Amino acid sequence: MSDSAAPVGLRERRRQETARDVSDAAIALFEQQGVHATTVDDIAAAAGISQRTFFRYFATKEQAAFLEDPDGDLLTRATMARIEAGDEPAEALEAGWLAVFDHFASDETGRRRGRRVHSLIHSEPTLLAIALRRDAEQARNLADAIALARDTDPAGTYAQVVVFATLARQAFEQWARRADAGEARPVREIYRGLREALRPLGRFLAD
């Protein structure tokens, strides 16, 4: 069993490395010449692969800008771990996002990549559409998982997931803008500030 597991692990690492190389090539070309002017053949050539190999990793050239987490969805894993430990959905969701923020703070390469993708998303409508669609899909999947684990209404859970996702997205937006302006602050700190600013609204809704 262990003898056969090692080659699988090696193949998976190589697959992840190739996916990252292709994505890095796509981002660089999108920055240099724009999404519209860049072709799949351009990206494949820059990454040193064939067009056929490109499509093993990404369905479209636009999707190549977005790299999947090789360790799985950290937000979902961290949130569901707290759900299974007995936390309420809101507590679990915040813990999940804090785990994402902490991982982001420790990943310098990820932060550099995040700034580049952020700039592209806000200059290329096709990439923005994909980013929003990915966020919506993640929110639906996470809400369904929480609702199933807690035997609750998925609609109500989805509302909570969207609220936290919106806060997190705004925190990353502010982080990117501040970083571009040379005023970097941890995303966790920015998130806390946004959360505190919304506290009066929460009391109003509760009333």
N, C-alpha and C. Protein backbone atom coordinates (compact mmCIF):
# COMPACT_ATOMS: atom_id res chain seq x y z
N MET A 1 0.83 -1.21 0.00
CA MET A 1 0.00 0.00 0.00
C MET A 1 0.87 1.25 0.00
N SER A 2 1.85 1.30 0.91
CA SER A 2 2.70 2.48 1.01
C SER A 2 3.59 2.64 -0.21
N ASP A 3 4.00 1.47 -0.82
CA ASP A 3 4.85 1.56 -2.00
C ASP A 3 4.13 2.22 -3.16
N SER A 4 2.81 1.91 -3.30
CA SER A 4 2.07 2.49 -4.41
C SER A 4 1.64 3.91 -4.13
N ALA A 5 1.58 4.30 -2.83
CA ALA A 5 1.13 5.64 -2.49
C ALA A 5 2.15 6.70 -2.85
N ALA A 6 3.45 6.36 -2.74
CA ALA A 6 4.50 7.35 -2.97
C ALA A 6 4.49 7.90 -4.40
N PRO A 7 4.43 7.00 -5.44
CA PRO A 7 4.39 7.54 -6.81
C PRO A 7 3.17 8.41 -7.05
N VAL A 8 2.01 8.05 -6.47
CA VAL A 8 0.81 8.87 -6.63
C VAL A 8 1.05 10.26 -6.08
N GLY A 9 1.67 10.32 -4.92
CA GLY A 9 1.98 11.62 -4.32
C GLY A 9 2.91 12.43 -5.19
N LEU A 10 3.89 11.77 -5.79
CA LEU A 10 4.83 12.47 -6.66
C LEU A 10 4.12 12.98 -7.90
N ARG A 11 3.25 12.17 -8.48
CA ARG A 11 2.51 12.62 -9.66
C ARG A 11 1.62 13.80 -9.32
N GLU A 12 1.01 13.78 -8.14
CA GLU A 12 0.13 14.88 -7.75
C GLU A 12 0.93 16.16 -7.56
N ARG A 13 2.11 16.05 -6.96
CA ARG A 13 2.96 17.23 -6.80
C ARG A 13 3.37 17.80 -8.16
N ARG A 14 3.70 16.92 -9.08
CA ARG A 14 4.07 17.39 -10.42
C ARG A 14 2.89 18.04 -11.12
N ARG A 15 1.70 17.47 -10.91
CA ARG A 15 0.50 18.05 -11.50
C ARG A 15 0.27 19.45 -10.95
N GLN A 16 0.44 19.62 -9.64
CA GLN A 16 0.26 20.92 -9.02
C GLN A 16 1.30 21.92 -9.52
N GLU A 17 2.53 21.46 -9.69
CA GLU A 17 3.59 22.34 -10.18
C GLU A 17 3.30 22.79 -11.62
N THR A 18 2.83 21.87 -12.44
CA THR A 18 2.50 22.23 -13.82
C THR A 18 1.34 23.22 -13.86
N ALA A 19 0.32 22.97 -13.05
CA ALA A 19 -0.82 23.88 -12.99
C ALA A 19 -0.37 25.28 -12.58
N ARG A 20 0.53 25.35 -11.61
CA ARG A 20 1.03 26.66 -11.17
C ARG A 20 1.84 27.32 -12.27
N ASP A 21 2.67 26.56 -12.97
CA ASP A 21 3.46 27.13 -14.07
C ASP A 21 2.54 27.69 -15.16
N VAL A 22 1.51 26.95 -15.50
CA VAL A 22 0.57 27.41 -16.53
C VAL A 22 -0.15 28.67 -16.06
N SER A 23 -0.59 28.67 -14.81
CA SER A 23 -1.30 29.82 -14.28
C SER A 23 -0.39 31.05 -14.21
N ASP A 24 0.85 30.84 -13.79
CA ASP A 24 1.80 31.95 -13.73
C ASP A 24 2.04 32.53 -15.13
N ALA A 25 2.14 31.66 -16.11
CA ALA A 25 2.33 32.13 -17.49
C ALA A 25 1.12 32.92 -17.97
N ALA A 26 -0.07 32.44 -17.63
CA ALA A 26 -1.29 33.15 -18.03
C ALA A 26 -1.36 34.53 -17.40
N ILE A 27 -1.07 34.61 -16.12
CA ILE A 27 -1.13 35.90 -15.42
C ILE A 27 -0.14 36.88 -16.04
N ALA A 28 1.08 36.41 -16.30
CA ALA A 28 2.10 37.29 -16.88
C ALA A 28 1.66 37.80 -18.26
N LEU A 29 1.10 36.94 -19.06
CA LEU A 29 0.65 37.35 -20.40
C LEU A 29 -0.55 38.28 -20.32
N PHE A 30 -1.46 38.00 -19.40
CA PHE A 30 -2.62 38.89 -19.22
C PHE A 30 -2.16 40.28 -18.81
N GLU A 31 -1.14 40.35 -17.96
CA GLU A 31 -0.60 41.64 -17.54
C GLU A 31 0.07 42.37 -18.71
N GLN A 32 0.77 41.63 -19.54
CA GLN A 32 1.54 42.24 -20.63
C GLN A 32 0.66 42.68 -21.80
N GLN A 33 -0.32 41.85 -22.18
CA GLN A 33 -1.04 42.13 -23.42
C GLN A 33 -2.56 42.05 -23.28
N GLY A 34 -3.05 41.80 -22.07
CA GLY A 34 -4.49 41.75 -21.86
C GLY A 34 -5.05 40.37 -22.12
N VAL A 35 -6.23 40.11 -21.56
CA VAL A 35 -6.85 38.80 -21.71
C VAL A 35 -7.29 38.57 -23.15
N HIS A 36 -7.91 39.57 -23.75
CA HIS A 36 -8.47 39.40 -25.10
C HIS A 36 -7.39 39.04 -26.12
N ALA A 37 -6.22 39.67 -26.00
CA ALA A 37 -5.16 39.45 -26.99
C ALA A 37 -4.36 38.18 -26.72
N THR A 38 -4.57 37.56 -25.59
CA THR A 38 -3.81 36.36 -25.23
C THR A 38 -4.59 35.11 -25.65
N THR A 39 -3.90 34.18 -26.26
CA THR A 39 -4.53 32.92 -26.68
C THR A 39 -4.06 31.77 -25.81
N VAL A 40 -4.78 30.67 -25.89
CA VAL A 40 -4.36 29.46 -25.18
C VAL A 40 -3.00 29.01 -25.69
N ASP A 41 -2.78 29.14 -27.01
CA ASP A 41 -1.48 28.76 -27.57
C ASP A 41 -0.36 29.62 -26.98
N ASP A 42 -0.63 30.91 -26.76
CA ASP A 42 0.37 31.78 -26.14
C ASP A 42 0.75 31.27 -24.75
N ILE A 43 -0.29 30.95 -23.97
CA ILE A 43 -0.05 30.49 -22.60
C ILE A 43 0.69 29.17 -22.60
N ALA A 44 0.25 28.24 -23.46
CA ALA A 44 0.90 26.93 -23.52
C ALA A 44 2.37 27.06 -23.90
N ALA A 45 2.65 27.92 -24.88
CA ALA A 45 4.04 28.11 -25.31
C ALA A 45 4.88 28.70 -24.18
N ALA A 46 4.32 29.68 -23.47
CA ALA A 46 5.06 30.30 -22.37
C ALA A 46 5.33 29.32 -21.24
N ALA A 47 4.40 28.38 -21.05
CA ALA A 47 4.56 27.39 -19.97
C ALA A 47 5.34 26.16 -20.42
N GLY A 48 5.62 26.07 -21.73
CA GLY A 48 6.39 24.95 -22.24
C GLY A 48 5.58 23.66 -22.34
N ILE A 49 4.28 23.80 -22.63
CA ILE A 49 3.42 22.62 -22.76
C ILE A 49 2.65 22.73 -24.08
N SER A 50 1.92 21.68 -24.41
CA SER A 50 1.08 21.70 -25.61
C SER A 50 -0.29 22.26 -25.26
N GLN A 51 -1.03 22.64 -26.32
CA GLN A 51 -2.39 23.12 -26.10
C GLN A 51 -3.24 22.02 -25.45
N ARG A 52 -3.04 20.79 -25.88
CA ARG A 52 -3.80 19.67 -25.33
C ARG A 52 -3.54 19.54 -23.83
N THR A 53 -2.29 19.70 -23.43
CA THR A 53 -1.96 19.61 -22.01
C THR A 53 -2.60 20.76 -21.24
N PHE A 54 -2.64 21.94 -21.84
CA PHE A 54 -3.28 23.08 -21.17
C PHE A 54 -4.69 22.71 -20.75
N PHE A 55 -5.45 22.10 -21.64
CA PHE A 55 -6.85 21.80 -21.36
C PHE A 55 -7.03 20.67 -20.36
N ARG A 56 -5.97 20.01 -20.00
CA ARG A 56 -6.05 19.04 -18.90
C ARG A 56 -6.14 19.76 -17.55
N TYR A 57 -5.71 21.01 -17.53
CA TYR A 57 -5.66 21.75 -16.28
C TYR A 57 -6.71 22.85 -16.19
N PHE A 58 -7.01 23.48 -17.32
CA PHE A 58 -7.95 24.60 -17.30
C PHE A 58 -8.89 24.51 -18.51
N ALA A 59 -10.16 24.81 -18.27
CA ALA A 59 -11.16 24.72 -19.34
C ALA A 59 -11.06 25.89 -20.32
N THR A 60 -10.63 27.06 -19.82
CA THR A 60 -10.51 28.25 -20.67
C THR A 60 -9.25 29.01 -20.28
N LYS A 61 -8.86 29.94 -21.14
CA LYS A 61 -7.69 30.74 -20.83
C LYS A 61 -7.95 31.62 -19.61
N GLU A 62 -9.19 32.12 -19.46
CA GLU A 62 -9.51 33.00 -18.33
C GLU A 62 -9.39 32.26 -17.00
N GLN A 63 -9.81 31.01 -16.98
CA GLN A 63 -9.76 30.25 -15.74
C GLN A 63 -8.34 29.97 -15.29
N ALA A 64 -7.39 30.08 -16.21
CA ALA A 64 -6.00 29.83 -15.85
C ALA A 64 -5.46 30.86 -14.88
N ALA A 65 -6.13 31.99 -14.73
CA ALA A 65 -5.68 33.00 -13.77
C ALA A 65 -5.96 32.59 -12.33
N PHE A 66 -6.83 31.59 -12.17
CA PHE A 66 -7.26 31.19 -10.83
C PHE A 66 -6.72 29.80 -10.51
N LEU A 67 -5.88 29.74 -9.50
CA LEU A 67 -5.24 28.49 -9.13
C LEU A 67 -5.97 27.87 -7.96
N GLU A 68 -6.32 26.59 -8.07
CA GLU A 68 -7.00 25.91 -6.98
C GLU A 68 -6.03 25.67 -5.82
N ASP A 69 -6.58 25.67 -4.59
CA ASP A 69 -5.79 25.37 -3.41
C ASP A 69 -5.42 23.90 -3.45
N PRO A 70 -4.12 23.56 -3.54
CA PRO A 70 -3.73 22.14 -3.64
C PRO A 70 -4.08 21.34 -2.39
N ASP A 71 -4.27 22.01 -1.27
CA ASP A 71 -4.62 21.31 -0.02
C ASP A 71 -6.11 21.26 0.21
N GLY A 72 -6.90 21.68 -0.79
CA GLY A 72 -8.34 21.70 -0.61
C GLY A 72 -8.82 23.07 -0.16
N ASP A 73 -10.10 23.19 0.02
CA ASP A 73 -10.71 24.46 0.39
C ASP A 73 -10.51 24.71 1.88
N LEU A 74 -9.55 25.57 2.22
CA LEU A 74 -9.23 25.82 3.62
C LEU A 74 -10.42 26.39 4.37
N LEU A 75 -11.16 27.30 3.75
CA LEU A 75 -12.32 27.89 4.41
C LEU A 75 -13.32 26.81 4.80
N THR A 76 -13.64 25.93 3.88
CA THR A 76 -14.61 24.87 4.17
C THR A 76 -14.09 23.92 5.22
N ARG A 77 -12.84 23.52 5.09
CA ARG A 77 -12.28 22.57 6.06
C ARG A 77 -12.28 23.15 7.47
N ALA A 78 -11.82 24.41 7.59
CA ALA A 78 -11.74 25.03 8.92
C ALA A 78 -13.12 25.28 9.50
N THR A 79 -14.05 25.70 8.65
CA THR A 79 -15.41 25.96 9.13
C THR A 79 -16.09 24.68 9.57
N MET A 80 -16.02 23.65 8.75
CA MET A 80 -16.70 22.40 9.08
C MET A 80 -16.08 21.71 10.29
N ALA A 81 -14.79 21.92 10.51
CA ALA A 81 -14.17 21.36 11.72
C ALA A 81 -14.79 21.97 12.97
N ARG A 82 -15.07 23.27 12.91
CA ARG A 82 -15.70 23.93 14.07
C ARG A 82 -17.17 23.55 14.19
N ILE A 83 -17.85 23.36 13.06
CA ILE A 83 -19.24 22.90 13.09
C ILE A 83 -19.31 21.53 13.77
N GLU A 84 -18.41 20.64 13.37
CA GLU A 84 -18.40 19.29 13.94
C GLU A 84 -18.02 19.31 15.42
N ALA A 85 -17.31 20.37 15.84
CA ALA A 85 -16.95 20.50 17.26
C ALA A 85 -18.09 21.11 18.08
N GLY A 86 -19.18 21.52 17.39
CA GLY A 86 -20.34 22.03 18.11
C GLY A 86 -20.56 23.52 18.05
N ASP A 87 -19.73 24.26 17.29
CA ASP A 87 -19.90 25.71 17.20
C ASP A 87 -21.17 26.05 16.41
N GLU A 88 -21.72 27.23 16.70
CA GLU A 88 -22.80 27.76 15.89
C GLU A 88 -22.24 28.17 14.52
N PRO A 89 -23.08 28.19 13.49
CA PRO A 89 -22.58 28.52 12.14
C PRO A 89 -21.80 29.83 12.07
N ALA A 90 -22.31 30.89 12.73
CA ALA A 90 -21.62 32.18 12.66
C ALA A 90 -20.22 32.08 13.27
N GLU A 91 -20.12 31.40 14.41
CA GLU A 91 -18.81 31.24 15.05
C GLU A 91 -17.87 30.42 14.17
N ALA A 92 -18.42 29.37 13.59
CA ALA A 92 -17.60 28.50 12.73
C ALA A 92 -17.14 29.24 11.48
N LEU A 93 -18.04 30.02 10.89
CA LEU A 93 -17.68 30.76 9.67
C LEU A 93 -16.59 31.78 9.96
N GLU A 94 -16.69 32.49 11.07
CA GLU A 94 -15.64 33.46 11.38
C GLU A 94 -14.32 32.74 11.62
N ALA A 95 -14.36 31.61 12.32
CA ALA A 95 -13.12 30.85 12.54
C ALA A 95 -12.53 30.39 11.22
N GLY A 96 -13.39 30.00 10.29
CA GLY A 96 -12.90 29.58 8.97
C GLY A 96 -12.20 30.70 8.24
N TRP A 97 -12.81 31.88 8.25
CA TRP A 97 -12.19 33.01 7.56
C TRP A 97 -10.91 33.46 8.26
N LEU A 98 -10.88 33.41 9.59
CA LEU A 98 -9.66 33.77 10.29
C LEU A 98 -8.52 32.81 9.94
N ALA A 99 -8.85 31.54 9.73
CA ALA A 99 -7.84 30.57 9.30
C ALA A 99 -7.30 30.95 7.92
N VAL A 100 -8.20 31.39 7.04
CA VAL A 100 -7.79 31.83 5.70
C VAL A 100 -6.88 33.05 5.80
N PHE A 101 -7.26 34.02 6.64
CA PHE A 101 -6.45 35.23 6.80
C PHE A 101 -5.06 34.89 7.34
N ASP A 102 -5.00 33.99 8.32
CA ASP A 102 -3.72 33.64 8.93
C ASP A 102 -2.82 32.91 7.92
N HIS A 103 -3.42 32.03 7.12
CA HIS A 103 -2.63 31.35 6.09
C HIS A 103 -2.12 32.37 5.07
N PHE A 104 -2.95 33.30 4.69
CA PHE A 104 -2.57 34.34 3.73
C PHE A 104 -1.41 35.17 4.29
N ALA A 105 -1.46 35.48 5.57
CA ALA A 105 -0.40 36.28 6.19
C ALA A 105 0.94 35.56 6.19
N SER A 106 0.91 34.22 6.22
CA SER A 106 2.15 33.45 6.27
C SER A 106 2.67 33.07 4.88
N ASP A 107 1.93 33.40 3.84
CA ASP A 107 2.26 32.98 2.47
C ASP A 107 2.65 34.19 1.64
N GLU A 108 3.92 34.52 1.64
CA GLU A 108 4.39 35.71 0.90
C GLU A 108 4.15 35.57 -0.59
N THR A 109 4.41 34.38 -1.13
CA THR A 109 4.18 34.15 -2.56
C THR A 109 2.70 34.32 -2.89
N GLY A 110 1.84 33.81 -2.02
CA GLY A 110 0.40 33.94 -2.23
C GLY A 110 -0.06 35.39 -2.20
N ARG A 111 0.56 36.19 -1.31
CA ARG A 111 0.19 37.60 -1.23
C ARG A 111 0.59 38.34 -2.51
N ARG A 112 1.79 38.05 -3.02
CA ARG A 112 2.21 38.69 -4.28
C ARG A 112 1.28 38.30 -5.41
N ARG A 113 0.95 37.04 -5.46
CA ARG A 113 0.06 36.56 -6.51
C ARG A 113 -1.33 37.18 -6.35
N GLY A 114 -1.78 37.30 -5.10
CA GLY A 114 -3.09 37.89 -4.83
C GLY A 114 -3.19 39.32 -5.34
N ARG A 115 -2.14 40.09 -5.16
CA ARG A 115 -2.16 41.48 -5.64
C ARG A 115 -2.23 41.53 -7.16
N ARG A 116 -1.51 40.64 -7.82
CA ARG A 116 -1.52 40.64 -9.28
C ARG A 116 -2.89 40.23 -9.82
N VAL A 117 -3.46 39.18 -9.23
CA VAL A 117 -4.78 38.72 -9.69
C VAL A 117 -5.83 39.77 -9.37
N HIS A 118 -5.71 40.43 -8.23
CA HIS A 118 -6.65 41.49 -7.86
C HIS A 118 -6.64 42.59 -8.92
N SER A 119 -5.45 43.00 -9.34
CA SER A 119 -5.35 44.06 -10.36
C SER A 119 -5.97 43.61 -11.68
N LEU A 120 -5.73 42.36 -12.05
CA LEU A 120 -6.29 41.86 -13.30
C LEU A 120 -7.81 41.79 -13.24
N ILE A 121 -8.34 41.31 -12.13
CA ILE A 121 -9.78 41.16 -11.99
C ILE A 121 -10.48 42.50 -12.16
N HIS A 122 -9.87 43.55 -11.64
CA HIS A 122 -10.53 44.85 -11.70
C HIS A 122 -10.26 45.61 -13.00
N SER A 123 -9.49 45.00 -13.88
CA SER A 123 -9.27 45.62 -15.18
C SER A 123 -9.83 44.76 -16.32
N GLU A 124 -10.24 43.53 -16.00
CA GLU A 124 -10.72 42.61 -17.02
C GLU A 124 -12.08 42.05 -16.59
N PRO A 125 -13.18 42.52 -17.20
CA PRO A 125 -14.52 42.06 -16.82
C PRO A 125 -14.70 40.55 -16.87
N THR A 126 -14.05 39.89 -17.82
CA THR A 126 -14.22 38.43 -17.92
C THR A 126 -13.65 37.73 -16.69
N LEU A 127 -12.55 38.24 -16.17
CA LEU A 127 -11.97 37.64 -14.97
C LEU A 127 -12.81 37.96 -13.74
N LEU A 128 -13.37 39.16 -13.68
CA LEU A 128 -14.24 39.52 -12.57
C LEU A 128 -15.46 38.60 -12.53
N ALA A 129 -16.03 38.31 -13.69
CA ALA A 129 -17.19 37.43 -13.75
C ALA A 129 -16.86 36.03 -13.23
N ILE A 130 -15.69 35.53 -13.59
CA ILE A 130 -15.28 34.21 -13.11
C ILE A 130 -15.06 34.23 -11.61
N ALA A 131 -14.42 35.29 -11.10
CA ALA A 131 -14.17 35.40 -9.67
C ALA A 131 -15.48 35.41 -8.89
N LEU A 132 -16.45 36.17 -9.36
CA LEU A 132 -17.75 36.24 -8.67
C LEU A 132 -18.47 34.90 -8.74
N ARG A 133 -18.38 34.23 -9.87
CA ARG A 133 -19.03 32.93 -10.01
C ARG A 133 -18.38 31.90 -9.08
N ARG A 134 -17.06 31.94 -8.95
CA ARG A 134 -16.38 31.03 -8.04
C ARG A 134 -16.78 31.30 -6.59
N ASP A 135 -16.87 32.58 -6.23
CA ASP A 135 -17.28 32.94 -4.87
C ASP A 135 -18.70 32.44 -4.58
N ALA A 136 -19.60 32.61 -5.54
CA ALA A 136 -20.98 32.18 -5.35
C ALA A 136 -21.07 30.66 -5.21
N GLU A 137 -20.31 29.95 -6.00
CA GLU A 137 -20.32 28.49 -5.92
C GLU A 137 -19.78 28.01 -4.59
N GLN A 138 -18.70 28.65 -4.13
CA GLN A 138 -18.14 28.29 -2.83
C GLN A 138 -19.15 28.55 -1.72
N ALA A 139 -19.85 29.68 -1.79
CA ALA A 139 -20.84 30.02 -0.77
C ALA A 139 -21.97 29.00 -0.74
N ARG A 140 -22.46 28.63 -1.91
CA ARG A 140 -23.55 27.64 -1.96
C ARG A 140 -23.10 26.29 -1.40
N ASN A 141 -21.93 25.85 -1.79
CA ASN A 141 -21.44 24.55 -1.32
C ASN A 141 -21.23 24.55 0.19
N LEU A 142 -20.67 25.65 0.71
CA LEU A 142 -20.42 25.73 2.14
C LEU A 142 -21.73 25.80 2.92
N ALA A 143 -22.69 26.57 2.43
CA ALA A 143 -23.99 26.66 3.09
C ALA A 143 -24.68 25.30 3.12
N ASP A 144 -24.61 24.58 2.01
CA ASP A 144 -25.24 23.26 1.95
C ASP A 144 -24.58 22.30 2.94
N ALA A 145 -23.26 22.37 3.05
CA ALA A 145 -22.54 21.48 3.96
C ALA A 145 -22.90 21.78 5.42
N ILE A 146 -22.99 23.06 5.76
CA ILE A 146 -23.35 23.44 7.13
C ILE A 146 -24.79 23.04 7.43
N ALA A 147 -25.69 23.32 6.49
CA ALA A 147 -27.10 23.00 6.70
C ALA A 147 -27.29 21.50 6.86
N LEU A 148 -26.57 20.70 6.10
CA LEU A 148 -26.68 19.25 6.19
C LEU A 148 -26.16 18.76 7.55
N ALA A 149 -25.02 19.33 7.98
CA ALA A 149 -24.44 18.90 9.25
C ALA A 149 -25.30 19.31 10.45
N ARG A 150 -25.96 20.46 10.35
CA ARG A 150 -26.76 20.97 11.46
C ARG A 150 -28.25 20.71 11.30
N ASP A 151 -28.65 20.13 10.16
CA ASP A 151 -30.06 19.86 9.87
C ASP A 151 -30.88 21.14 9.98
N THR A 152 -30.42 22.18 9.29
CA THR A 152 -31.08 23.48 9.32
C THR A 152 -31.46 23.91 7.91
N ASP A 153 -32.14 25.04 7.80
CA ASP A 153 -32.59 25.58 6.52
C ASP A 153 -31.39 26.10 5.72
N PRO A 154 -31.12 25.58 4.52
CA PRO A 154 -29.99 26.06 3.73
C PRO A 154 -30.08 27.54 3.38
N ALA A 155 -31.32 28.06 3.22
CA ALA A 155 -31.46 29.48 2.85
C ALA A 155 -30.93 30.39 3.95
N GLY A 156 -31.30 30.09 5.19
CA GLY A 156 -30.81 30.91 6.30
C GLY A 156 -29.31 30.79 6.46
N THR A 157 -28.80 29.59 6.29
CA THR A 157 -27.36 29.38 6.41
C THR A 157 -26.62 30.11 5.29
N TYR A 158 -27.20 30.09 4.09
CA TYR A 158 -26.57 30.76 2.95
C TYR A 158 -26.44 32.26 3.22
N ALA A 159 -27.45 32.85 3.87
CA ALA A 159 -27.38 34.28 4.19
C ALA A 159 -26.19 34.57 5.09
N GLN A 160 -25.96 33.73 6.08
CA GLN A 160 -24.82 33.92 6.97
C GLN A 160 -23.50 33.77 6.22
N VAL A 161 -23.44 32.76 5.36
CA VAL A 161 -22.22 32.54 4.58
C VAL A 161 -21.91 33.75 3.71
N VAL A 162 -22.95 34.33 3.08
CA VAL A 162 -22.75 35.48 2.20
C VAL A 162 -22.28 36.70 2.99
N VAL A 163 -22.83 36.90 4.17
CA VAL A 163 -22.41 38.05 4.99
C VAL A 163 -20.93 37.96 5.31
N PHE A 164 -20.48 36.81 5.78
CA PHE A 164 -19.06 36.66 6.12
C PHE A 164 -18.18 36.74 4.86
N ALA A 165 -18.65 36.16 3.76
CA ALA A 165 -17.87 36.22 2.52
C ALA A 165 -17.73 37.65 2.03
N THR A 166 -18.79 38.44 2.17
CA THR A 166 -18.75 39.84 1.75
C THR A 166 -17.77 40.63 2.60
N LEU A 167 -17.80 40.40 3.90
CA LEU A 167 -16.85 41.06 4.80
C LEU A 167 -15.41 40.69 4.43
N ALA A 168 -15.20 39.40 4.20
CA ALA A 168 -13.85 38.94 3.86
C ALA A 168 -13.39 39.53 2.54
N ARG A 169 -14.29 39.58 1.56
CA ARG A 169 -13.93 40.13 0.25
C ARG A 169 -13.55 41.60 0.39
N GLN A 170 -14.30 42.34 1.20
CA GLN A 170 -13.97 43.74 1.41
C GLN A 170 -12.64 43.90 2.14
N ALA A 171 -12.36 42.98 3.06
CA ALA A 171 -11.08 43.03 3.77
C ALA A 171 -9.92 42.82 2.80
N PHE A 172 -10.06 41.86 1.91
CA PHE A 172 -9.01 41.62 0.91
C PHE A 172 -8.90 42.80 -0.06
N GLU A 173 -10.03 43.40 -0.41
CA GLU A 173 -10.00 44.58 -1.29
C GLU A 173 -9.21 45.70 -0.64
N GLN A 174 -9.51 45.98 0.63
CA GLN A 174 -8.80 47.06 1.32
C GLN A 174 -7.33 46.71 1.48
N TRP A 175 -7.05 45.44 1.76
CA TRP A 175 -5.64 45.04 1.91
C TRP A 175 -4.88 45.31 0.61
N ALA A 176 -5.47 44.92 -0.53
CA ALA A 176 -4.80 45.10 -1.82
C ALA A 176 -4.57 46.58 -2.12
N ARG A 177 -5.59 47.40 -1.87
CA ARG A 177 -5.43 48.83 -2.13
C ARG A 177 -4.37 49.45 -1.23
N ARG A 178 -4.39 49.06 0.03
CA ARG A 178 -3.38 49.59 0.96
C ARG A 178 -1.97 49.11 0.59
N ALA A 179 -1.88 47.85 0.18
CA ALA A 179 -0.57 47.32 -0.21
C ALA A 179 -0.04 48.05 -1.43
N ASP A 180 -0.90 48.33 -2.39
CA ASP A 180 -0.49 49.08 -3.57
C ASP A 180 -0.03 50.48 -3.22
N ALA A 181 -0.61 51.03 -2.15
CA ALA A 181 -0.25 52.38 -1.72
C ALA A 181 0.90 52.39 -0.72
N GLY A 182 1.47 51.20 -0.45
CA GLY A 182 2.57 51.11 0.49
C GLY A 182 2.14 51.20 1.94
N GLU A 183 0.87 50.88 2.22
CA GLU A 183 0.34 50.95 3.58
C GLU A 183 -0.21 49.59 4.00
N ALA A 184 0.62 48.58 3.89
CA ALA A 184 0.17 47.22 4.14
C ALA A 184 -0.26 47.03 5.59
N ARG A 185 -1.40 46.36 5.76
CA ARG A 185 -1.90 45.95 7.07
C ARG A 185 -2.39 44.52 6.96
N PRO A 186 -2.32 43.75 8.04
CA PRO A 186 -2.81 42.37 7.96
C PRO A 186 -4.29 42.32 7.62
N VAL A 187 -4.68 41.36 6.79
CA VAL A 187 -6.08 41.23 6.41
C VAL A 187 -6.95 40.97 7.64
N ARG A 188 -6.45 40.20 8.59
CA ARG A 188 -7.21 39.93 9.81
C ARG A 188 -7.56 41.23 10.52
N GLU A 189 -6.60 42.14 10.61
CA GLU A 189 -6.83 43.42 11.27
C GLU A 189 -7.88 44.25 10.53
N ILE A 190 -7.80 44.26 9.21
CA ILE A 190 -8.77 45.00 8.41
C ILE A 190 -10.16 44.39 8.59
N TYR A 191 -10.23 43.08 8.60
CA TYR A 191 -11.51 42.39 8.79
C TYR A 191 -12.13 42.78 10.14
N ARG A 192 -11.32 42.77 11.18
CA ARG A 192 -11.82 43.13 12.51
C ARG A 192 -12.38 44.54 12.52
N GLY A 193 -11.69 45.46 11.82
CA GLY A 193 -12.18 46.83 11.76
C GLY A 193 -13.53 46.91 11.05
N LEU A 194 -13.67 46.19 9.94
CA LEU A 194 -14.94 46.17 9.22
C LEU A 194 -16.04 45.56 10.07
N ARG A 195 -15.72 44.50 10.75
CA ARG A 195 -16.71 43.83 11.60
C ARG A 195 -17.19 44.76 12.71
N GLU A 196 -16.26 45.49 13.29
CA GLU A 196 -16.62 46.42 14.36
C GLU A 196 -17.48 47.55 13.83
N ALA A 197 -17.18 48.01 12.62
CA ALA A 197 -17.96 49.09 12.02
C ALA A 197 -19.41 48.67 11.77
N LEU A 198 -19.64 47.38 11.56
CA LEU A 198 -20.99 46.88 11.29
C LEU A 198 -21.74 46.48 12.56
N ARG A 199 -21.10 46.57 13.69
CA ARG A 199 -21.76 46.14 14.92
C ARG A 199 -23.08 46.87 15.18
N PRO A 200 -23.13 48.21 15.00
CA PRO A 200 -24.43 48.89 15.21
C PRO A 200 -25.53 48.38 14.28
N LEU A 201 -25.16 48.01 13.05
CA LEU A 201 -26.15 47.48 12.12
C LEU A 201 -26.68 46.15 12.63
N GLY A 202 -25.79 45.34 13.21
CA GLY A 202 -26.24 44.06 13.76
C GLY A 202 -27.24 44.24 14.88
N ARG A 203 -26.99 45.23 15.73
CA ARG A 203 -27.94 45.48 16.83
C ARG A 203 -29.26 45.97 16.27
N PHE A 204 -29.21 46.81 15.22
CA PHE A 204 -30.45 47.32 14.61
C PHE A 204 -31.26 46.16 14.02
N LEU A 205 -30.60 45.25 13.31
CA LEU A 205 -31.30 44.12 12.73
C LEU A 205 -31.86 43.20 13.79
N ALA A 206 -31.13 43.05 14.89
CA ALA A 206 -31.63 42.20 15.98
C ALA A 206 -32.90 42.79 16.60
N ASP A 207 -32.96 44.12 16.69
CA ASP A 207 -34.15 44.76 17.24
C ASP A 207 -35.33 44.67 16.28
